[in-house]
Amino acid sequence: DAPPLRADVGHHVRNAVSYMNAHYADRIGLHEIAEHVGLDTKYL
């Protein structure tokens, strides 16, 4: 019953991946990652 994904979801995932690859040495967590890409944590 999953609703269709928005067309920009690939962009959000790539953005989050790039952020983690760049900031893995920092004290980041799910909240910081979601905030960076502008999404709710559950949706991310």
ModelCIF file with pLDDT and N, C-alpha, C, O atoms, coordinates in Angstrom:
data_MODEL
#
_entry.id   MODEL 
#
_entity.id                         1 
_entity.type                       polymer 
_entity.pdbx_number_of_molecules   1 
#
_entity_poly.entity_id                      1 
_entity_poly.type                           'polypeptide(L)' 
_entity_poly.nstd_linkage                   no 
_entity_poly.nstd_monomer                   no 
_entity_poly.pdbx_seq_one_letter_code       DAPPLRADVGHHVRNAVSYMNAHYADRIGLHEIAEHVGLDTKYL 
_entity_poly.pdbx_seq_one_letter_code_can   DAPPLRADVGHHVRNAVSYMNAHYADRIGLHEIAEHVGLDTKYL 
_entity_poly.pdbx_strand_id                 A 
#
loop_
_entity_poly_seq.entity_id 
_entity_poly_seq.num 
_entity_poly_seq.mon_id 
_entity_poly_seq.hetero 
1 1  ASP n 
1 2  ALA n 
1 3  PRO n 
1 4  PRO n 
1 5  LEU n 
1 6  ARG n 
1 7  ALA n 
1 8  ASP n 
1 9  VAL n 
1 10 GLY n 
1 11 HIS n 
1 12 HIS n 
1 13 VAL n 
1 14 ARG n 
1 15 ASN n 
1 16 ALA n 
1 17 VAL n 
1 18 SER n 
1 19 TYR n 
1 20 MET n 
1 21 ASN n 
1 22 ALA n 
1 23 HIS n 
1 24 TYR n 
1 25 ALA n 
1 26 ASP n 
1 27 ARG n 
1 28 ILE n 
1 29 GLY n 
1 30 LEU n 
1 31 HIS n 
1 32 GLU n 
1 33 ILE n 
1 34 ALA n 
1 35 GLU n 
1 36 HIS n 
1 37 VAL n 
1 38 GLY n 
1 39 LEU n 
1 40 ASP n 
1 41 THR n 
1 42 LYS n 
1 43 TYR n 
1 44 LEU n 
#
_struct_asym.id          A 
_struct_asym.entity_id   1 
#
loop_
_ma_qa_metric.id 
_ma_qa_metric.mode 
_ma_qa_metric.name 
_ma_qa_metric.software_group_id 
_ma_qa_metric.type 
1 global pLDDT . pLDDT 
2 local  pLDDT . pLDDT 
#
_ma_qa_metric_global.metric_id      1 
_ma_qa_metric_global.metric_value   79.48 
_ma_qa_metric_global.model_id       1 
_ma_qa_metric_global.ordinal_id     1 
#
loop_
_ma_qa_metric_local.label_asym_id 
_ma_qa_metric_local.label_comp_id 
_ma_qa_metric_local.label_seq_id 
_ma_qa_metric_local.metric_id 
_ma_qa_metric_local.metric_value 
_ma_qa_metric_local.model_id 
_ma_qa_metric_local.ordinal_id 
A ASP 1  2 45.00 1 1  
A ALA 2  2 46.00 1 2  
A PRO 3  2 46.00 1 3  
A PRO 4  2 48.00 1 4  
A LEU 5  2 47.00 1 5  
A ARG 6  2 50.00 1 6  
A ALA 7  2 48.00 1 7  
A ASP 8  2 53.00 1 8  
A VAL 9  2 57.00 1 9  
A GLY 10 2 70.00 1 10 
A HIS 11 2 78.00 1 11 
A HIS 12 2 83.00 1 12 
A VAL 13 2 84.00 1 13 
A ARG 14 2 82.00 1 14 
A ASN 15 2 86.00 1 15 
A ALA 16 2 88.00 1 16 
A VAL 17 2 86.00 1 17 
A SER 18 2 85.00 1 18 
A TYR 19 2 89.00 1 19 
A MET 20 2 89.00 1 20 
A ASN 21 2 84.00 1 21 
A ALA 22 2 87.00 1 22 
A HIS 23 2 89.00 1 23 
A TYR 24 2 89.00 1 24 
A ALA 25 2 90.00 1 25 
A ASP 26 2 91.00 1 26 
A ARG 27 2 87.00 1 27 
A ILE 28 2 90.00 1 28 
A GLY 29 2 88.00 1 29 
A LEU 30 2 90.00 1 30 
A HIS 31 2 91.00 1 31 
A GLU 32 2 92.00 1 32 
A ILE 33 2 92.00 1 33 
A ALA 34 2 91.00 1 34 
A GLU 35 2 91.00 1 35 
A HIS 36 2 91.00 1 36 
A VAL 37 2 88.00 1 37 
A GLY 38 2 89.00 1 38 
A LEU 39 2 88.00 1 39 
A ASP 40 2 88.00 1 40 
A THR 41 2 88.00 1 41 
A LYS 42 2 88.00 1 42 
A TYR 43 2 87.00 1 43 
A LEU 44 2 88.00 1 44 
#
loop_
_atom_site.group_PDB 
_atom_site.id 
_atom_site.type_symbol 
_atom_site.label_atom_id 
_atom_site.label_alt_id 
_atom_site.label_comp_id 
_atom_site.label_asym_id 
_atom_site.label_entity_id 
_atom_site.label_seq_id 
_atom_site.pdbx_PDB_ins_code 
_atom_site.Cartn_x 
_atom_site.Cartn_y 
_atom_site.Cartn_z 
_atom_site.occupancy 
_atom_site.B_iso_or_equiv 
_atom_site.pdbx_formal_charge 
_atom_site.auth_seq_id 
_atom_site.auth_comp_id 
_atom_site.auth_asym_id 
_atom_site.auth_atom_id 
_atom_site.pdbx_PDB_model_num 
ATOM 1   N N  . ASP A 1 1  ? 0.809  -1.208 0.000  1.00 45.00 ? 1  ASP A N  1 
ATOM 2   C CA . ASP A 1 1  ? 0.000  0.000  0.000  1.00 45.00 ? 1  ASP A CA 1 
ATOM 3   C C  . ASP A 1 1  ? 0.849  1.268  0.000  1.00 45.00 ? 1  ASP A C  1 
ATOM 4   O O  . ASP A 1 1  ? 0.359  2.346  0.336  1.00 45.00 ? 1  ASP A O  1 
ATOM 5   N N  . ALA A 1 2  ? 2.136  1.137  -0.381 1.00 46.00 ? 2  ALA A N  1 
ATOM 6   C CA . ALA A 1 2  ? 3.012  2.308  -0.374 1.00 46.00 ? 2  ALA A CA 1 
ATOM 7   C C  . ALA A 1 2  ? 2.576  3.301  -1.442 1.00 46.00 ? 2  ALA A C  1 
ATOM 8   O O  . ALA A 1 2  ? 2.355  2.909  -2.587 1.00 46.00 ? 2  ALA A O  1 
ATOM 9   N N  . PRO A 1 3  ? 2.448  4.586  -1.089 1.00 46.00 ? 3  PRO A N  1 
ATOM 10  C CA . PRO A 1 3  ? 2.090  5.589  -2.089 1.00 46.00 ? 3  PRO A CA 1 
ATOM 11  C C  . PRO A 1 3  ? 3.231  5.786  -3.069 1.00 46.00 ? 3  PRO A C  1 
ATOM 12  O O  . PRO A 1 3  ? 4.377  5.488  -2.732 1.00 46.00 ? 3  PRO A O  1 
ATOM 13  N N  . PRO A 1 4  ? 2.959  6.278  -4.273 1.00 48.00 ? 4  PRO A N  1 
ATOM 14  C CA . PRO A 1 4  ? 4.016  6.493  -5.248 1.00 48.00 ? 4  PRO A CA 1 
ATOM 15  C C  . PRO A 1 4  ? 5.069  7.460  -4.709 1.00 48.00 ? 4  PRO A C  1 
ATOM 16  O O  . PRO A 1 4  ? 4.743  8.440  -4.040 1.00 48.00 ? 4  PRO A O  1 
ATOM 17  N N  . LEU A 1 5  ? 6.324  7.170  -5.007 1.00 47.00 ? 5  LEU A N  1 
ATOM 18  C CA . LEU A 1 5  ? 7.393  8.047  -4.580 1.00 47.00 ? 5  LEU A CA 1 
ATOM 19  C C  . LEU A 1 5  ? 7.423  9.305  -5.437 1.00 47.00 ? 5  LEU A C  1 
ATOM 20  O O  . LEU A 1 5  ? 7.153  9.248  -6.636 1.00 47.00 ? 5  LEU A O  1 
ATOM 21  N N  . ARG A 1 6  ? 7.749  10.431 -4.830 1.00 50.00 ? 6  ARG A N  1 
ATOM 22  C CA . ARG A 1 6  ? 7.884  11.658 -5.594 1.00 50.00 ? 6  ARG A CA 1 
ATOM 23  C C  . ARG A 1 6  ? 9.083  11.553 -6.534 1.00 50.00 ? 6  ARG A C  1 
ATOM 24  O O  . ARG A 1 6  ? 10.003 10.772 -6.296 1.00 50.00 ? 6  ARG A O  1 
ATOM 25  N N  . ALA A 1 7  ? 9.062  12.338 -7.593 1.00 48.00 ? 7  ALA A N  1 
ATOM 26  C CA . ALA A 1 7  ? 10.106 12.260 -8.609 1.00 48.00 ? 7  ALA A CA 1 
ATOM 27  C C  . ALA A 1 7  ? 11.467 12.657 -8.065 1.00 48.00 ? 7  ALA A C  1 
ATOM 28  O O  . ALA A 1 7  ? 12.493 12.272 -8.626 1.00 48.00 ? 7  ALA A O  1 
ATOM 29  N N  . ASP A 1 8  ? 11.492 13.434 -6.962 1.00 53.00 ? 8  ASP A N  1 
ATOM 30  C CA . ASP A 1 8  ? 12.763 13.946 -6.467 1.00 53.00 ? 8  ASP A CA 1 
ATOM 31  C C  . ASP A 1 8  ? 13.371 13.091 -5.359 1.00 53.00 ? 8  ASP A C  1 
ATOM 32  O O  . ASP A 1 8  ? 14.353 13.499 -4.739 1.00 53.00 ? 8  ASP A O  1 
ATOM 33  N N  . VAL A 1 9  ? 12.799 11.902 -5.097 1.00 57.00 ? 9  VAL A N  1 
ATOM 34  C CA . VAL A 1 9  ? 13.318 11.117 -3.978 1.00 57.00 ? 9  VAL A CA 1 
ATOM 35  C C  . VAL A 1 9  ? 14.747 10.662 -4.238 1.00 57.00 ? 9  VAL A C  1 
ATOM 36  O O  . VAL A 1 9  ? 15.539 10.584 -3.299 1.00 57.00 ? 9  VAL A O  1 
ATOM 37  N N  . GLY A 1 10 ? 15.102 10.357 -5.488 1.00 70.00 ? 10 GLY A N  1 
ATOM 38  C CA . GLY A 1 10 ? 16.462 9.969  -5.791 1.00 70.00 ? 10 GLY A CA 1 
ATOM 39  C C  . GLY A 1 10 ? 17.440 11.073 -5.428 1.00 70.00 ? 10 GLY A C  1 
ATOM 40  O O  . GLY A 1 10 ? 18.534 10.806 -4.929 1.00 70.00 ? 10 GLY A O  1 
ATOM 41  N N  . HIS A 1 11 ? 17.047 12.304 -5.679 1.00 78.00 ? 11 HIS A N  1 
ATOM 42  C CA . HIS A 1 11 ? 17.883 13.455 -5.333 1.00 78.00 ? 11 HIS A CA 1 
ATOM 43  C C  . HIS A 1 11 ? 18.071 13.545 -3.823 1.00 78.00 ? 11 HIS A C  1 
ATOM 44  O O  . HIS A 1 11 ? 19.180 13.811 -3.358 1.00 78.00 ? 11 HIS A O  1 
ATOM 45  N N  . HIS A 1 12 ? 17.016 13.328 -3.053 1.00 83.00 ? 12 HIS A N  1 
ATOM 46  C CA . HIS A 1 12 ? 17.114 13.404 -1.597 1.00 83.00 ? 12 HIS A CA 1 
ATOM 47  C C  . HIS A 1 12 ? 18.060 12.328 -1.050 1.00 83.00 ? 12 HIS A C  1 
ATOM 48  O O  . HIS A 1 12 ? 18.876 12.606 -0.171 1.00 83.00 ? 12 HIS A O  1 
ATOM 49  N N  . VAL A 1 13 ? 17.949 11.101 -1.572 1.00 84.00 ? 13 VAL A N  1 
ATOM 50  C CA . VAL A 1 13 ? 18.805 10.015 -1.105 1.00 84.00 ? 13 VAL A CA 1 
ATOM 51  C C  . VAL A 1 13 ? 20.254 10.297 -1.472 1.00 84.00 ? 13 VAL A C  1 
ATOM 52  O O  . VAL A 1 13 ? 21.147 10.125 -0.642 1.00 84.00 ? 13 VAL A O  1 
ATOM 53  N N  . ARG A 1 14 ? 20.499 10.730 -2.708 1.00 82.00 ? 14 ARG A N  1 
ATOM 54  C CA . ARG A 1 14 ? 21.875 11.049 -3.119 1.00 82.00 ? 14 ARG A CA 1 
ATOM 55  C C  . ARG A 1 14 ? 22.449 12.182 -2.275 1.00 82.00 ? 14 ARG A C  1 
ATOM 56  O O  . ARG A 1 14 ? 23.624 12.154 -1.910 1.00 82.00 ? 14 ARG A O  1 
ATOM 57  N N  . ASN A 1 15 ? 21.628 13.169 -1.967 1.00 86.00 ? 15 ASN A N  1 
ATOM 58  C CA . ASN A 1 15 ? 22.080 14.290 -1.151 1.00 86.00 ? 15 ASN A CA 1 
ATOM 59  C C  . ASN A 1 15 ? 22.463 13.820 0.249  1.00 86.00 ? 15 ASN A C  1 
ATOM 60  O O  . ASN A 1 15 ? 23.491 14.223 0.793  1.00 86.00 ? 15 ASN A O  1 
ATOM 61  N N  . ALA A 1 16 ? 21.621 12.960 0.823  1.00 88.00 ? 16 ALA A N  1 
ATOM 62  C CA . ALA A 1 16 ? 21.919 12.436 2.164  1.00 88.00 ? 16 ALA A CA 1 
ATOM 63  C C  . ALA A 1 16 ? 23.176 11.581 2.153  1.00 88.00 ? 16 ALA A C  1 
ATOM 64  O O  . ALA A 1 16 ? 23.995 11.664 3.069  1.00 88.00 ? 16 ALA A O  1 
ATOM 65  N N  . VAL A 1 17 ? 23.331 10.763 1.125  1.00 86.00 ? 17 VAL A N  1 
ATOM 66  C CA . VAL A 1 17 ? 24.524 9.920  1.001  1.00 86.00 ? 17 VAL A CA 1 
ATOM 67  C C  . VAL A 1 17 ? 25.782 10.783 0.892  1.00 86.00 ? 17 VAL A C  1 
ATOM 68  O O  . VAL A 1 17 ? 26.789 10.500 1.541  1.00 86.00 ? 17 VAL A O  1 
ATOM 69  N N  . SER A 1 18 ? 25.723 11.830 0.075  1.00 85.00 ? 18 SER A N  1 
ATOM 70  C CA . SER A 1 18 ? 26.873 12.728 -0.074 1.00 85.00 ? 18 SER A CA 1 
ATOM 71  C C  . SER A 1 18 ? 27.216 13.408 1.245  1.00 85.00 ? 18 SER A C  1 
ATOM 72  O O  . SER A 1 18 ? 28.388 13.573 1.585  1.00 85.00 ? 18 SER A O  1 
ATOM 73  N N  . TYR A 1 19 ? 26.179 13.801 1.985  1.00 89.00 ? 19 TYR A N  1 
ATOM 74  C CA . TYR A 1 19 ? 26.389 14.453 3.276  1.00 89.00 ? 19 TYR A CA 1 
ATOM 75  C C  . TYR A 1 19 ? 27.082 13.506 4.255  1.00 89.00 ? 19 TYR A C  1 
ATOM 76  O O  . TYR A 1 19 ? 28.002 13.909 4.967  1.00 89.00 ? 19 TYR A O  1 
ATOM 77  N N  . MET A 1 20 ? 26.642 12.256 4.289  1.00 89.00 ? 20 MET A N  1 
ATOM 78  C CA . MET A 1 20 ? 27.252 11.290 5.206  1.00 89.00 ? 20 MET A CA 1 
ATOM 79  C C  . MET A 1 20 ? 28.681 10.962 4.797  1.00 89.00 ? 20 MET A C  1 
ATOM 80  O O  . MET A 1 20 ? 29.548 10.811 5.658  1.00 89.00 ? 20 MET A O  1 
ATOM 81  N N  . ASN A 1 21 ? 28.939 10.850 3.501  1.00 84.00 ? 21 ASN A N  1 
ATOM 82  C CA . ASN A 1 21 ? 30.295 10.573 3.042  1.00 84.00 ? 21 ASN A CA 1 
ATOM 83  C C  . ASN A 1 21 ? 31.246 11.709 3.384  1.00 84.00 ? 21 ASN A C  1 
ATOM 84  O O  . ASN A 1 21 ? 32.438 11.484 3.592  1.00 84.00 ? 21 ASN A O  1 
ATOM 85  N N  . ALA A 1 22 ? 30.721 12.932 3.444  1.00 87.00 ? 22 ALA A N  1 
ATOM 86  C CA . ALA A 1 22 ? 31.560 14.092 3.740  1.00 87.00 ? 22 ALA A CA 1 
ATOM 87  C C  . ALA A 1 22 ? 31.712 14.347 5.233  1.00 87.00 ? 22 ALA A C  1 
ATOM 88  O O  . ALA A 1 22 ? 32.714 14.919 5.662  1.00 87.00 ? 22 ALA A O  1 
ATOM 89  N N  . HIS A 1 23 ? 30.724 13.928 6.036  1.00 89.00 ? 23 HIS A N  1 
ATOM 90  C CA . HIS A 1 23 ? 30.704 14.290 7.463  1.00 89.00 ? 23 HIS A CA 1 
ATOM 91  C C  . HIS A 1 23 ? 30.711 13.074 8.381  1.00 89.00 ? 23 HIS A C  1 
ATOM 92  O O  . HIS A 1 23 ? 30.302 13.180 9.537  1.00 89.00 ? 23 HIS A O  1 
ATOM 93  N N  . TYR A 1 24 ? 31.169 11.916 7.892  1.00 89.00 ? 24 TYR A N  1 
ATOM 94  C CA . TYR A 1 24 ? 31.153 10.718 8.728  1.00 89.00 ? 24 TYR A CA 1 
ATOM 95  C C  . TYR A 1 24 ? 32.007 10.874 9.984  1.00 89.00 ? 24 TYR A C  1 
ATOM 96  O O  . TYR A 1 24 ? 31.749 10.215 10.992 1.00 89.00 ? 24 TYR A O  1 
ATOM 97  N N  . ALA A 1 25 ? 33.024 11.741 9.933  1.00 90.00 ? 25 ALA A N  1 
ATOM 98  C CA . ALA A 1 25 ? 33.901 11.938 11.091 1.00 90.00 ? 25 ALA A CA 1 
ATOM 99  C C  . ALA A 1 25 ? 33.290 12.860 12.143 1.00 90.00 ? 25 ALA A C  1 
ATOM 100 O O  . ALA A 1 25 ? 33.810 12.964 13.254 1.00 90.00 ? 25 ALA A O  1 
ATOM 101 N N  . ASP A 1 26 ? 32.189 13.528 11.799 1.00 91.00 ? 26 ASP A N  1 
ATOM 102 C CA . ASP A 1 26 ? 31.538 14.439 12.737 1.00 91.00 ? 26 ASP A CA 1 
ATOM 103 C C  . ASP A 1 26 ? 30.501 13.693 13.579 1.00 91.00 ? 26 ASP A C  1 
ATOM 104 O O  . ASP A 1 26 ? 30.139 12.558 13.270 1.00 91.00 ? 26 ASP A O  1 
ATOM 105 N N  . ARG A 1 27 ? 30.039 14.333 14.625 1.00 87.00 ? 27 ARG A N  1 
ATOM 106 C CA . ARG A 1 27 ? 29.017 13.723 15.488 1.00 87.00 ? 27 ARG A CA 1 
ATOM 107 C C  . ARG A 1 27 ? 27.640 14.012 14.894 1.00 87.00 ? 27 ARG A C  1 
ATOM 108 O O  . ARG A 1 27 ? 26.895 14.844 15.413 1.00 87.00 ? 27 ARG A O  1 
ATOM 109 N N  . ILE A 1 28 ? 27.314 13.335 13.826 1.00 90.00 ? 28 ILE A N  1 
ATOM 110 C CA . ILE A 1 28 ? 26.023 13.517 13.158 1.00 90.00 ? 28 ILE A CA 1 
ATOM 111 C C  . ILE A 1 28 ? 25.147 12.297 13.407 1.00 90.00 ? 28 ILE A C  1 
ATOM 112 O O  . ILE A 1 28 ? 25.641 11.193 13.636 1.00 90.00 ? 28 ILE A O  1 
ATOM 113 N N  . GLY A 1 29 ? 23.834 12.520 13.359 1.00 88.00 ? 29 GLY A N  1 
ATOM 114 C CA . GLY A 1 29 ? 22.865 11.450 13.506 1.00 88.00 ? 29 GLY A CA 1 
ATOM 115 C C  . GLY A 1 29 ? 21.732 11.648 12.520 1.00 88.00 ? 29 GLY A C  1 
ATOM 116 O O  . GLY A 1 29 ? 21.816 12.472 11.610 1.00 88.00 ? 29 GLY A O  1 
ATOM 117 N N  . LEU A 1 30 ? 20.669 10.878 12.716 1.00 90.00 ? 30 LEU A N  1 
ATOM 118 C CA . LEU A 1 30 ? 19.546 10.918 11.790 1.00 90.00 ? 30 LEU A CA 1 
ATOM 119 C C  . LEU A 1 30 ? 18.931 12.315 11.693 1.00 90.00 ? 30 LEU A C  1 
ATOM 120 O O  . LEU A 1 30 ? 18.562 12.760 10.606 1.00 90.00 ? 30 LEU A O  1 
ATOM 121 N N  . HIS A 1 31 ? 18.822 13.005 12.835 1.00 91.00 ? 31 HIS A N  1 
ATOM 122 C CA . HIS A 1 31 ? 18.206 14.327 12.829 1.00 91.00 ? 31 HIS A CA 1 
ATOM 123 C C  . HIS A 1 31 ? 19.001 15.295 11.958 1.00 91.00 ? 31 HIS A C  1 
ATOM 124 O O  . HIS A 1 31 ? 18.419 16.041 11.171 1.00 91.00 ? 31 HIS A O  1 
ATOM 125 N N  . GLU A 1 32 ? 20.325 15.287 12.095 1.00 92.00 ? 32 GLU A N  1 
ATOM 126 C CA . GLU A 1 32 ? 21.154 16.190 11.301 1.00 92.00 ? 32 GLU A CA 1 
ATOM 127 C C  . GLU A 1 32 ? 21.082 15.858 9.816  1.00 92.00 ? 32 GLU A C  1 
ATOM 128 O O  . GLU A 1 32 ? 21.068 16.760 8.978  1.00 92.00 ? 32 GLU A O  1 
ATOM 129 N N  . ILE A 1 33 ? 21.036 14.580 9.487  1.00 92.00 ? 33 ILE A N  1 
ATOM 130 C CA . ILE A 1 33 ? 20.974 14.164 8.078  1.00 92.00 ? 33 ILE A CA 1 
ATOM 131 C C  . ILE A 1 33 ? 19.648 14.609 7.463  1.00 92.00 ? 33 ILE A C  1 
ATOM 132 O O  . ILE A 1 33 ? 19.620 15.172 6.369  1.00 92.00 ? 33 ILE A O  1 
ATOM 133 N N  . ALA A 1 34 ? 18.544 14.349 8.183  1.00 91.00 ? 34 ALA A N  1 
ATOM 134 C CA . ALA A 1 34 ? 17.225 14.741 7.674  1.00 91.00 ? 34 ALA A CA 1 
ATOM 135 C C  . ALA A 1 34 ? 17.113 16.247 7.540  1.00 91.00 ? 34 ALA A C  1 
ATOM 136 O O  . ALA A 1 34 ? 16.536 16.750 6.576  1.00 91.00 ? 34 ALA A O  1 
ATOM 137 N N  . GLU A 1 35 ? 17.660 16.963 8.501  1.00 91.00 ? 35 GLU A N  1 
ATOM 138 C CA . GLU A 1 35 ? 17.621 18.427 8.452  1.00 91.00 ? 35 GLU A CA 1 
ATOM 139 C C  . GLU A 1 35 ? 18.398 18.951 7.252  1.00 91.00 ? 35 GLU A C  1 
ATOM 140 O O  . GLU A 1 35 ? 17.980 19.919 6.616  1.00 91.00 ? 35 GLU A O  1 
ATOM 141 N N  . HIS A 1 36 ? 19.515 18.324 6.942  1.00 91.00 ? 36 HIS A N  1 
ATOM 142 C CA . HIS A 1 36 ? 20.331 18.760 5.804  1.00 91.00 ? 36 HIS A CA 1 
ATOM 143 C C  . HIS A 1 36 ? 19.577 18.633 4.483  1.00 91.00 ? 36 HIS A C  1 
ATOM 144 O O  . HIS A 1 36 ? 19.681 19.507 3.621  1.00 91.00 ? 36 HIS A O  1 
ATOM 145 N N  . VAL A 1 37 ? 18.813 17.540 4.318  1.00 88.00 ? 37 VAL A N  1 
ATOM 146 C CA . VAL A 1 37 ? 18.111 17.330 3.048  1.00 88.00 ? 37 VAL A CA 1 
ATOM 147 C C  . VAL A 1 37 ? 16.694 17.897 3.082  1.00 88.00 ? 37 VAL A C  1 
ATOM 148 O O  . VAL A 1 37 ? 15.990 17.858 2.073  1.00 88.00 ? 37 VAL A O  1 
ATOM 149 N N  . GLY A 1 38 ? 16.265 18.429 4.242  1.00 89.00 ? 38 GLY A N  1 
ATOM 150 C CA . GLY A 1 38 ? 14.960 19.069 4.325  1.00 89.00 ? 38 GLY A CA 1 
ATOM 151 C C  . GLY A 1 38 ? 13.786 18.128 4.365  1.00 89.00 ? 38 GLY A C  1 
ATOM 152 O O  . GLY A 1 38 ? 12.724 18.429 3.819  1.00 89.00 ? 38 GLY A O  1 
ATOM 153 N N  . LEU A 1 39 ? 13.967 16.975 5.015  1.00 88.00 ? 39 LEU A N  1 
ATOM 154 C CA . LEU A 1 39 ? 12.889 15.989 5.092  1.00 88.00 ? 39 LEU A CA 1 
ATOM 155 C C  . LEU A 1 39 ? 12.629 15.590 6.539  1.00 88.00 ? 39 LEU A C  1 
ATOM 156 O O  . LEU A 1 39 ? 13.490 15.744 7.405  1.00 88.00 ? 39 LEU A O  1 
ATOM 157 N N  . ASP A 1 40 ? 11.433 15.077 6.786  1.00 88.00 ? 40 ASP A N  1 
ATOM 158 C CA . ASP A 1 40 ? 11.109 14.457 8.056  1.00 88.00 ? 40 ASP A CA 1 
ATOM 159 C C  . ASP A 1 40 ? 11.936 13.183 8.209  1.00 88.00 ? 40 ASP A C  1 
ATOM 160 O O  . ASP A 1 40 ? 12.196 12.491 7.224  1.00 88.00 ? 40 ASP A O  1 
ATOM 161 N N  . THR A 1 41 ? 12.349 12.870 9.434  1.00 88.00 ? 41 THR A N  1 
ATOM 162 C CA . THR A 1 41 ? 13.212 11.709 9.652  1.00 88.00 ? 41 THR A CA 1 
ATOM 163 C C  . THR A 1 41 ? 12.549 10.397 9.220  1.00 88.00 ? 41 THR A C  1 
ATOM 164 O O  . THR A 1 41 ? 13.206 9.532  8.640  1.00 88.00 ? 41 THR A O  1 
ATOM 165 N N  . LYS A 1 42 ? 11.252 10.249 9.501  1.00 88.00 ? 42 LYS A N  1 
ATOM 166 C CA . LYS A 1 42 ? 10.562 9.006  9.132  1.00 88.00 ? 42 LYS A CA 1 
ATOM 167 C C  . LYS A 1 42 ? 10.485 8.847  7.627  1.00 88.00 ? 42 LYS A C  1 
ATOM 168 O O  . LYS A 1 42 ? 10.645 7.745  7.102  1.00 88.00 ? 42 LYS A O  1 
ATOM 169 N N  . TYR A 1 43 ? 10.238 9.960  6.926  1.00 87.00 ? 43 TYR A N  1 
ATOM 170 C CA . TYR A 1 43 ? 10.135 9.871  5.465  1.00 87.00 ? 43 TYR A CA 1 
ATOM 171 C C  . TYR A 1 43 ? 11.505 9.560  4.866  1.00 87.00 ? 43 TYR A C  1 
ATOM 172 O O  . TYR A 1 43 ? 11.607 8.785  3.916  1.00 87.00 ? 43 TYR A O  1 
ATOM 173 N N  . LEU A 1 44 ? 12.556 10.162 5.422  1.00 88.00 ? 44 LEU A N  1 
ATOM 174 C CA . LEU A 1 44 ? 13.898 9.877  4.930  1.00 88.00 ? 44 LEU A CA 1 
ATOM 175 C C  . LEU A 1 44 ? 14.240 8.397  5.126  1.00 88.00 ? 44 LEU A C  1 
ATOM 176 O O  . LEU A 1 44 ? 15.336 7.965  4.770  1.00 88.00 ? 44 LEU A O  1 
#
